């Protein structure tokens, strides 16, 4: 019997022109999480592993805005993505 993956994944997004705050764009466990990660990699979107943040975000629904108390930690994720993009363009 194959053991199902316990992996969880969340996708965040933010458009400063239309959004007041970042949003949870996708979330999933197991195969769905694997698909989210695979799509991110296929599209050149950096993937950051943070089990604590995934646990907190798992309580949100897809398309929910990130609560204000999580702005700092989510800003760190976006900073990671920015740095990764800058390094990749060198």
PDB file of N, CA and C in Angstrom:
ATOM      1  N   UNK A   1       0.851  -1.176   0.000  1.00  0.00           N
ATOM      2  CA  UNK A   1       0.000   0.000   0.000  1.00  0.00           C
ATOM      3  C   UNK A   1       0.897   1.240   0.000  1.00  0.00           C
ATOM      4  N   UNK A   2       0.626   2.150  -0.919  1.00  0.00           N
ATOM      5  CA  UNK A   2       1.424   3.369  -1.052  1.00  0.00           C
ATOM      6  C   UNK A   2       0.977   4.390  -0.022  1.00  0.00           C
ATOM      7  N   UNK A   3       1.945   4.938   0.703  1.00  0.00           N
ATOM      8  CA  UNK A   3       1.646   5.959   1.705  1.00  0.00           C
ATOM      9  C   UNK A   3       1.463   7.305   1.008  1.00  0.00           C
ATOM     10  N   UNK A   4       0.335   7.970   1.285  1.00  0.00           N
ATOM     11  CA  UNK A   4       0.065   9.270   0.663  1.00  0.00           C
ATOM     12  C   UNK A   4       0.991  10.325   1.239  1.00  0.00           C
ATOM     13  N   UNK A   5       1.429  11.223   0.380  1.00  0.00           N
ATOM     14  CA  UNK A   5       2.295  12.325   0.780  1.00  0.00           C
ATOM     15  C   UNK A   5       1.577  13.217   1.790  1.00  0.00           C
ATOM     16  N   UNK A   6       2.288  13.626   2.810  1.00  0.00           N
ATOM     17  CA  UNK A   6       1.731  14.544   3.808  1.00  0.00           C
ATOM     18  C   UNK A   6       2.113  15.984   3.473  1.00  0.00           C
ATOM     19  N   UNK A   7       2.709  16.174   2.335  1.00  0.00           N
ATOM     20  CA  UNK A   7       3.157  17.492   1.918  1.00  0.00           C
ATOM     21  C   UNK A   7       1.958  18.425   1.758  1.00  0.00           C
ATOM     22  N   UNK A   8       2.133  19.663   2.191  1.00  0.00           N
ATOM     23  CA  UNK A   8       1.120  20.698   1.993  1.00  0.00           C
ATOM     24  C   UNK A   8       1.782  21.844   1.239  1.00  0.00           C
ATOM     25  N   UNK A   9       0.991  22.526   0.431  1.00  0.00           N
ATOM     26  CA  UNK A   9       1.520  23.665  -0.311  1.00  0.00           C
ATOM     27  C   UNK A   9       0.470  24.767  -0.379  1.00  0.00           C
ATOM     28  N   UNK A  10       0.965  25.986  -0.373  1.00  0.00           N
ATOM     29  CA  UNK A  10       0.132  27.171  -0.503  1.00  0.00           C
ATOM     30  C   UNK A  10       0.734  28.051  -1.591  1.00  0.00           C
ATOM     31  N   UNK A  11      -0.113  28.727  -2.337  1.00  0.00           N
ATOM     32  CA  UNK A  11       0.354  29.698  -3.329  1.00  0.00           C
ATOM     33  C   UNK A  11      -0.191  31.061  -2.939  1.00  0.00           C
ATOM     34  N   UNK A  12       0.709  32.022  -2.847  1.00  0.00           N
ATOM     35  CA  UNK A  12       0.335  33.389  -2.484  1.00  0.00           C
ATOM     36  C   UNK A  12       0.483  34.293  -3.695  1.00  0.00           C
ATOM     37  N   UNK A  13      -0.302  35.345  -3.722  1.00  0.00           N
ATOM     38  CA  UNK A  13      -0.188  36.320  -4.794  1.00  0.00           C
ATOM     39  C   UNK A  13      -0.522  37.705  -4.297  1.00  0.00           C
ATOM     40  N   UNK A  14       0.017  38.695  -4.989  1.00  0.00           N
ATOM     41  CA  UNK A  14      -0.264  40.081  -4.631  1.00  0.00           C
ATOM     42  C   UNK A  14      -0.085  40.969  -5.850  1.00  0.00           C
ATOM     43  N   UNK A  15      -1.095  41.754  -6.133  1.00  0.00           N
ATOM     44  CA  UNK A  15      -1.042  42.743  -7.208  1.00  0.00           C
ATOM     45  C   UNK A  15      -1.280  44.099  -6.547  1.00  0.00           C
ATOM     46  N   UNK A  16      -0.222  44.894  -6.463  1.00  0.00           N
ATOM     47  CA  UNK A  16      -0.311  46.167  -5.737  1.00  0.00           C
ATOM     48  C   UNK A  16      -1.313  47.135  -6.351  1.00  0.00           C
ATOM     49  N   UNK A  17      -1.677  46.920  -7.606  1.00  0.00           N
ATOM     50  CA  UNK A  17      -2.621  47.827  -8.254  1.00  0.00           C
ATOM     51  C   UNK A  17      -4.077  47.468  -7.966  1.00  0.00           C
ATOM     52  N   UNK A  18      -4.342  46.210  -7.647  1.00  0.00           N
ATOM     53  CA  UNK A  18      -5.735  45.797  -7.445  1.00  0.00           C
ATOM     54  C   UNK A  18      -6.025  45.222  -6.062  1.00  0.00           C
ATOM     55  N   UNK A  19      -4.988  44.761  -5.361  1.00  0.00           N
ATOM     56  CA  UNK A  19      -5.202  44.097  -4.070  1.00  0.00           C
ATOM     57  C   UNK A  19      -4.820  45.001  -2.909  1.00  0.00           C
ATOM     58  N   UNK A  20      -5.616  44.925  -1.854  1.00  0.00           N
ATOM     59  CA  UNK A  20      -5.259  45.646  -0.625  1.00  0.00           C
ATOM     60  C   UNK A  20      -4.208  44.873   0.160  1.00  0.00           C
ATOM     61  N   UNK A  21      -4.218  43.551  -0.002  1.00  0.00           N
ATOM     62  CA  UNK A  21      -3.300  42.678   0.732  1.00  0.00           C
ATOM     63  C   UNK A  21      -3.040  41.435  -0.106  1.00  0.00           C
ATOM     64  N   UNK A  22      -1.958  40.716   0.201  1.00  0.00           N
ATOM     65  CA  UNK A  22      -1.722  39.449  -0.500  1.00  0.00           C
ATOM     66  C   UNK A  22      -2.890  38.495  -0.280  1.00  0.00           C
ATOM     67  N   UNK A  23      -3.051  37.568  -1.222  1.00  0.00           N
ATOM     68  CA  UNK A  23      -4.142  36.599  -1.148  1.00  0.00           C
ATOM     69  C   UNK A  23      -3.596  35.186  -1.209  1.00  0.00           C
ATOM     70  N   UNK A  24      -4.369  34.268  -0.649  1.00  0.00           N
ATOM     71  CA  UNK A  24      -4.088  32.847  -0.789  1.00  0.00           C
ATOM     72  C   UNK A  24      -4.726  32.408  -2.101  1.00  0.00           C
ATOM     73  N   UNK A  25      -3.890  32.055  -3.078  1.00  0.00           N
ATOM     74  CA  UNK A  25      -4.386  31.726  -4.410  1.00  0.00           C
ATOM     75  C   UNK A  25      -4.714  30.247  -4.567  1.00  0.00           C
ATOM     76  N   UNK A  26      -3.995  29.397  -3.840  1.00  0.00           N
ATOM     77  CA  UNK A  26      -4.231  27.954  -3.940  1.00  0.00           C
ATOM     78  C   UNK A  26      -3.694  27.296  -2.685  1.00  0.00           C
ATOM     79  N   UNK A  27      -4.266  26.157  -2.347  1.00  0.00           N
ATOM     80  CA  UNK A  27      -3.732  25.363  -1.242  1.00  0.00           C
ATOM     81  C   UNK A  27      -4.121  23.914  -1.465  1.00  0.00           C
ATOM     82  N   UNK A  28      -3.313  23.036  -0.923  1.00  0.00           N
ATOM     83  CA  UNK A  28      -3.626  21.627  -1.080  1.00  0.00           C
ATOM     84  C   UNK A  28      -2.683  20.738  -0.293  1.00  0.00           C
ATOM     85  N   UNK A  29      -3.078  19.480  -0.186  1.00  0.00           N
ATOM     86  CA  UNK A  29      -2.279  18.459   0.496  1.00  0.00           C
ATOM     87  C   UNK A  29      -2.033  17.310  -0.468  1.00  0.00           C
ATOM     88  N   UNK A  30      -1.001  16.549  -0.191  1.00  0.00           N
ATOM     89  CA  UNK A  30      -0.719  15.352  -0.963  1.00  0.00           C
ATOM     90  C   UNK A  30      -0.479  15.648  -2.429  1.00  0.00           C
ATOM     91  N   UNK A  31      -1.219  14.961  -3.290  1.00  0.00           N
ATOM     92  CA  UNK A  31      -1.045  15.104  -4.738  1.00  0.00           C
ATOM     93  C   UNK A  31      -1.320  16.534  -5.190  1.00  0.00           C
ATOM     94  N   UNK A  32      -2.312  17.183  -4.597  1.00  0.00           N
ATOM     95  CA  UNK A  32      -2.623  18.572  -4.969  1.00  0.00           C
ATOM     96  C   UNK A  32      -1.446  19.472  -4.611  1.00  0.00           C
ATOM     97  N   UNK A  33      -0.856  19.258  -3.444  1.00  0.00           N
ATOM     98  CA  UNK A  33       0.321  20.039  -3.052  1.00  0.00           C
ATOM     99  C   UNK A  33       1.461  19.808  -4.032  1.00  0.00           C
ATOM    100  N   UNK A  34       1.662  18.555  -4.406  1.00  0.00           N
ATOM    101  CA  UNK A  34       2.713  18.247  -5.374  1.00  0.00           C
ATOM    102  C   UNK A  34       2.463  18.970  -6.696  1.00  0.00           C
ATOM    103  N   UNK A  35       1.203  19.027  -7.122  1.00  0.00           N
ATOM    104  CA  UNK A  35       0.861  19.728  -8.371  1.00  0.00           C
ATOM    105  C   UNK A  35       1.104  21.233  -8.261  1.00  0.00           C
ATOM    106  N   UNK A  36       0.766  21.827  -7.114  1.00  0.00           N
ATOM    107  CA  UNK A  36       1.008  23.256  -6.909  1.00  0.00           C
ATOM    108  C   UNK A  36       2.503  23.546  -7.024  1.00  0.00           C
ATOM    109  N   UNK A  37       3.309  22.716  -6.379  1.00  0.00           N
ATOM    110  CA  UNK A  37       4.761  22.910  -6.400  1.00  0.00           C
ATOM    111  C   UNK A  37       5.309  22.699  -7.809  1.00  0.00           C
ATOM    112  N   UNK A  38       4.817  21.682  -8.480  1.00  0.00           N
ATOM    113  CA  UNK A  38       5.269  21.404  -9.852  1.00  0.00           C
ATOM    114  C   UNK A  38       4.936  22.566 -10.789  1.00  0.00           C
ATOM    115  N   UNK A  39       3.716  23.102 -10.690  1.00  0.00           N
ATOM    116  CA  UNK A  39       3.309  24.235 -11.539  1.00  0.00           C
ATOM    117  C   UNK A  39       4.160  25.465 -11.235  1.00  0.00           C
ATOM    118  N   UNK A  40       4.448  25.692  -9.967  1.00  0.00           N
ATOM    119  CA  UNK A  40       5.294  26.830  -9.603  1.00  0.00           C
ATOM    120  C   UNK A  40       6.657  26.696 -10.268  1.00  0.00           C
ATOM    121  N   UNK A  41       7.253  25.518 -10.162  1.00  0.00           N
ATOM    122  CA  UNK A  41       8.576  25.300 -10.747  1.00  0.00           C
ATOM    123  C   UNK A  41       8.539  25.419 -12.269  1.00  0.00           C
ATOM    124  N   UNK A  42       7.487  24.884 -12.901  1.00  0.00           N
ATOM    125  CA  UNK A  42       7.352  24.977 -14.355  1.00  0.00           C
ATOM    126  C   UNK A  42       7.277  26.427 -14.822  1.00  0.00           C
ATOM    127  N   UNK A  43       6.699  27.292 -13.980  1.00  0.00           N
ATOM    128  CA  UNK A  43       6.508  28.698 -14.343  1.00  0.00           C
ATOM    129  C   UNK A  43       7.575  29.613 -13.750  1.00  0.00           C
ATOM    130  N   UNK A  44       8.626  29.023 -13.209  1.00  0.00           N
ATOM    131  CA  UNK A  44       9.730  29.818 -12.680  1.00  0.00           C
ATOM    132  C   UNK A  44       9.411  30.555 -11.398  1.00  0.00           C
ATOM    133  N   UNK A  45       8.401  30.093 -10.677  1.00  0.00           N
ATOM    134  CA  UNK A  45       8.042  30.721  -9.409  1.00  0.00           C
ATOM    135  C   UNK A  45       8.851  30.051  -8.302  1.00  0.00           C
ATOM    136  N   UNK A  46       9.631  30.823  -7.550  1.00  0.00           N
ATOM    137  CA  UNK A  46      10.427  30.229  -6.472  1.00  0.00           C
ATOM    138  C   UNK A  46       9.533  29.559  -5.432  1.00  0.00           C
ATOM    139  N   UNK A  47      10.040  28.489  -4.853  1.00  0.00           N
ATOM    140  CA  UNK A  47       9.314  27.749  -3.820  1.00  0.00           C
ATOM    141  C   UNK A  47      10.097  27.873  -2.523  1.00  0.00           C
ATOM    142  N   UNK A  48       9.420  28.302  -1.476  1.00  0.00           N
ATOM    143  CA  UNK A  48      10.035  28.416  -0.154  1.00  0.00           C
ATOM    144  C   UNK A  48       9.328  27.449   0.778  1.00  0.00           C
ATOM    145  N   UNK A  49      10.093  26.687   1.530  1.00  0.00           N
ATOM    146  CA  UNK A  49       9.503  25.755   2.489  1.00  0.00           C
ATOM    147  C   UNK A  49       9.447  26.417   3.863  1.00  0.00           C
ATOM    148  N   UNK A  50       8.252  26.478   4.428  1.00  0.00           N
ATOM    149  CA  UNK A  50       8.046  27.050   5.763  1.00  0.00           C
ATOM    150  C   UNK A  50       6.827  26.363   6.364  1.00  0.00           C
ATOM    151  N   UNK A  51       7.060  25.282   7.095  1.00  0.00           N
ATOM    152  CA  UNK A  51       5.947  24.486   7.624  1.00  0.00           C
ATOM    153  C   UNK A  51       5.088  25.271   8.607  1.00  0.00           C
ATOM    154  N   UNK A  52       5.688  26.173   9.358  1.00  0.00           N
ATOM    155  CA  UNK A  52       4.906  26.979  10.308  1.00  0.00           C
ATOM    156  C   UNK A  52       3.930  27.892   9.576  1.00  0.00           C
ATOM    157  N   UNK A  53       4.404  28.530   8.512  1.00  0.00           N
ATOM    158  CA  UNK A  53       3.540  29.422   7.742  1.00  0.00           C
ATOM    159  C   UNK A  53       2.440  28.630   7.048  1.00  0.00           C
ATOM    160  N   UNK A  54       2.779  27.462   6.507  1.00  0.00           N
ATOM    161  CA  UNK A  54       1.767  26.619   5.859  1.00  0.00           C
ATOM    162  C   UNK A  54       0.688  26.245   6.860  1.00  0.00           C
ATOM    163  N   UNK A  55       1.084  25.926   8.079  1.00  0.00           N
ATOM    164  CA  UNK A  55       0.101  25.565   9.114  1.00  0.00           C
ATOM    165  C   UNK A  55      -0.850  26.734   9.384  1.00  0.00           C
ATOM    166  N   UNK A  56      -0.307  27.923   9.489  1.00  0.00           N
ATOM    167  CA  UNK A  56      -1.145  29.106   9.748  1.00  0.00           C
ATOM    168  C   UNK A  56      -2.059  29.389   8.557  1.00  0.00           C
ATOM    169  N   UNK A  57      -1.499  29.351   7.348  1.00  0.00           N
ATOM    170  CA  UNK A  57      -2.285  29.661   6.152  1.00  0.00           C
ATOM    171  C   UNK A  57      -3.333  28.596   5.850  1.00  0.00           C
ATOM    172  N   UNK A  58      -3.141  27.387   6.356  1.00  0.00           N
ATOM    173  CA  UNK A  58      -4.095  26.311   6.076  1.00  0.00           C
ATOM    174  C   UNK A  58      -5.481  26.606   6.636  1.00  0.00           C
ATOM    175  N   UNK A  59      -5.578  27.542   7.555  1.00  0.00           N
ATOM    176  CA  UNK A  59      -6.867  27.917   8.134  1.00  0.00           C
ATOM    177  C   UNK A  59      -7.635  28.911   7.265  1.00  0.00           C
ATOM    178  N   UNK A  60      -6.975  29.438   6.227  1.00  0.00           N
ATOM    179  CA  UNK A  60      -7.622  30.379   5.310  1.00  0.00           C
ATOM    180  C   UNK A  60      -8.257  29.628   4.151  1.00  0.00           C
ATOM    181  N   UNK A  61      -9.193  30.260   3.507  1.00  0.00           N
ATOM    182  CA  UNK A  61      -9.799  29.726   2.286  1.00  0.00           C
ATOM    183  C   UNK A  61      -9.109  30.339   1.077  1.00  0.00           C
ATOM    184  N   UNK A  62      -9.141  29.627  -0.041  1.00  0.00           N
ATOM    185  CA  UNK A  62      -8.588  30.153  -1.283  1.00  0.00           C
ATOM    186  C   UNK A  62      -9.295  31.477  -1.598  1.00  0.00           C
ATOM    187  N   UNK A  63      -8.535  32.453  -2.052  1.00  0.00           N
ATOM    188  CA  UNK A  63      -8.962  33.818  -2.371  1.00  0.00           C
ATOM    189  C   UNK A  63      -9.136  34.711  -1.155  1.00  0.00           C
ATOM    190  N   UNK A  64      -8.929  34.195   0.054  1.00  0.00           N
ATOM    191  CA  UNK A  64      -8.942  35.047   1.243  1.00  0.00           C
ATOM    192  C   UNK A  64      -7.716  35.941   1.232  1.00  0.00           C
ATOM    193  N   UNK A  65      -7.898  37.171   1.714  1.00  0.00           N
ATOM    194  CA  UNK A  65      -6.742  38.041   1.900  1.00  0.00           C
ATOM    195  C   UNK A  65      -6.002  37.597   3.159  1.00  0.00           C
ATOM    196  N   UNK A  66      -4.694  37.806   3.137  1.00  0.00           N
ATOM    197  CA  UNK A  66      -3.871  37.455   4.277  1.00  0.00           C
ATOM    198  C   UNK A  66      -4.212  38.422   5.422  1.00  0.00           C
ATOM    199  N   UNK A  67      -4.470  37.904   6.625  1.00  0.00           N
ATOM    200  CA  UNK A  67      -4.784  38.787   7.752  1.00  0.00           C
ATOM    201  C   UNK A  67      -3.596  39.685   8.113  1.00  0.00           C
ATOM    202  N   UNK A  68      -3.914  40.852   8.608  1.00  0.00           N
ATOM    203  CA  UNK A  68      -2.896  41.852   8.919  1.00  0.00           C
ATOM    204  C   UNK A  68      -1.799  41.312   9.834  1.00  0.00           C
ATOM    205  N   UNK A  69      -2.142  40.445  10.768  1.00  0.00           N
ATOM    206  CA  UNK A  69      -1.138  39.921  11.705  1.00  0.00           C
ATOM    207  C   UNK A  69      -0.103  39.021  11.006  1.00  0.00           C
ATOM    208  N   UNK A  70      -0.354  38.638   9.758  1.00  0.00           N
ATOM    209  CA  UNK A  70       0.602  37.812   9.008  1.00  0.00           C
ATOM    210  C   UNK A  70       1.379  38.619   7.966  1.00  0.00           C
ATOM    211  N   UNK A  71       1.139  39.917   7.875  1.00  0.00           N
ATOM    212  CA  UNK A  71       1.802  40.732   6.861  1.00  0.00           C
ATOM    213  C   UNK A  71       3.324  40.604   6.925  1.00  0.00           C
ATOM    214  N   UNK A  72       3.905  40.651   8.119  1.00  0.00           N
ATOM    215  CA  UNK A  72       5.367  40.627   8.250  1.00  0.00           C
ATOM    216  C   UNK A  72       5.945  39.320   7.707  1.00  0.00           C
ATOM    217  N   UNK A  73       5.373  38.201   8.097  1.00  0.00           N
ATOM    218  CA  UNK A  73       5.917  36.914   7.655  1.00  0.00           C
ATOM    219  C   UNK A  73       5.682  36.707   6.156  1.00  0.00           C
ATOM    220  N   UNK A  74       4.552  37.161   5.637  1.00  0.00           N
ATOM    221  CA  UNK A  74       4.280  37.041   4.205  1.00  0.00           C
ATOM    222  C   UNK A  74       5.197  37.986   3.424  1.00  0.00           C
ATOM    223  N   UNK A  75       5.482  39.156   3.987  1.00  0.00           N
ATOM    224  CA  UNK A  75       6.428  40.078   3.341  1.00  0.00           C
ATOM    225  C   UNK A  75       7.800  39.423   3.218  1.00  0.00           C
ATOM    226  N   UNK A  76       8.188  38.615   4.188  1.00  0.00           N
ATOM    227  CA  UNK A  76       9.462  37.903   4.123  1.00  0.00           C
ATOM    228  C   UNK A  76       9.457  36.886   2.980  1.00  0.00           C
ATOM    229  N   UNK A  77       8.318  36.252   2.736  1.00  0.00           N
ATOM    230  CA  UNK A  77       8.200  35.307   1.624  1.00  0.00           C
ATOM    231  C   UNK A  77       8.361  36.057   0.301  1.00  0.00           C
ATOM    232  N   UNK A  78       7.681  37.191   0.164  1.00  0.00           N
ATOM    233  CA  UNK A  78       7.799  37.970  -1.067  1.00  0.00           C
ATOM    234  C   UNK A  78       9.212  38.518  -1.243  1.00  0.00           C
ATOM    235  N   UNK A  79       9.883  38.856  -0.154  1.00  0.00           N
ATOM    236  CA  UNK A  79      11.278  39.307  -0.234  1.00  0.00           C
ATOM    237  C   UNK A  79      12.168  38.160  -0.723  1.00  0.00           C
ATOM    238  N   UNK A  80      11.910  36.943  -0.256  1.00  0.00           N
ATOM    239  CA  UNK A  80      12.641  35.767  -0.720  1.00  0.00           C
ATOM    240  C   UNK A  80      12.461  35.600  -2.229  1.00  0.00           C
ATOM    241  N   UNK A  81      11.229  35.739  -2.690  1.00  0.00           N
ATOM    242  CA  UNK A  81      10.940  35.591  -4.120  1.00  0.00           C
ATOM    243  C   UNK A  81      11.668  36.676  -4.918  1.00  0.00           C
ATOM    244  N   UNK A  82      11.645  37.893  -4.425  1.00  0.00           N
ATOM    245  CA  UNK A  82      12.321  38.996  -5.099  1.00  0.00           C
ATOM    246  C   UNK A  82      13.824  38.727  -5.205  1.00  0.00           C
ATOM    247  N   UNK A  83      14.430  38.299  -4.083  1.00  0.00           N
ATOM    248  CA  UNK A  83      15.864  38.011  -4.095  1.00  0.00           C
ATOM    249  C   UNK A  83      16.200  36.872  -5.061  1.00  0.00           C
ATOM    250  N   UNK A  84      15.357  35.843  -5.058  1.00  0.00           N
ATOM    251  CA  UNK A  84      15.571  34.707  -5.949  1.00  0.00           C
ATOM    252  C   UNK A  84      15.476  35.133  -7.402  1.00  0.00           C
ATOM    253  N   UNK A  85      14.490  35.976  -7.714  1.00  0.00           N
ATOM    254  CA  UNK A  85      14.363  36.500  -9.085  1.00  0.00           C
ATOM    255  C   UNK A  85      15.574  37.330  -9.482  1.00  0.00           C
ATOM    256  N   UNK A  86      16.068  38.152  -8.563  1.00  0.00           N
ATOM    257  CA  UNK A  86      17.229  38.991  -8.852  1.00  0.00           C
ATOM    258  C   UNK A  86      18.475  38.146  -9.105  1.00  0.00           C
ATOM    259  N   UNK A  87      18.655  37.099  -8.303  1.00  0.00           N
ATOM    260  CA  UNK A  87      19.805  36.216  -8.496  1.00  0.00           C
ATOM    261  C   UNK A  87      19.707  35.471  -9.807  1.00  0.00           C
ATOM    262  N   UNK A  88      18.503  35.059 -10.170  1.00  0.00           N
ATOM    263  CA  UNK A  88      18.310  34.294 -11.415  1.00  0.00           C
ATOM    264  C   UNK A  88      18.564  35.168 -12.644  1.00  0.00           C
ATOM    265  N   UNK A  89      18.330  36.460 -12.536  1.00  0.00           N
ATOM    266  CA  UNK A  89      18.496  37.346 -13.698  1.00  0.00           C
ATOM    267  C   UNK A  89      19.950  37.770 -13.900  1.00  0.00           C
ATOM    268  N   UNK A  90      20.828  37.427 -12.948  1.00  0.00           N
ATOM    269  CA  UNK A  90      22.258  37.802 -13.075  1.00  0.00           C
ATOM    270  C   UNK A  90      22.965  36.874 -14.028  1.00  0.00           C
TER     271      UNK A  90
END
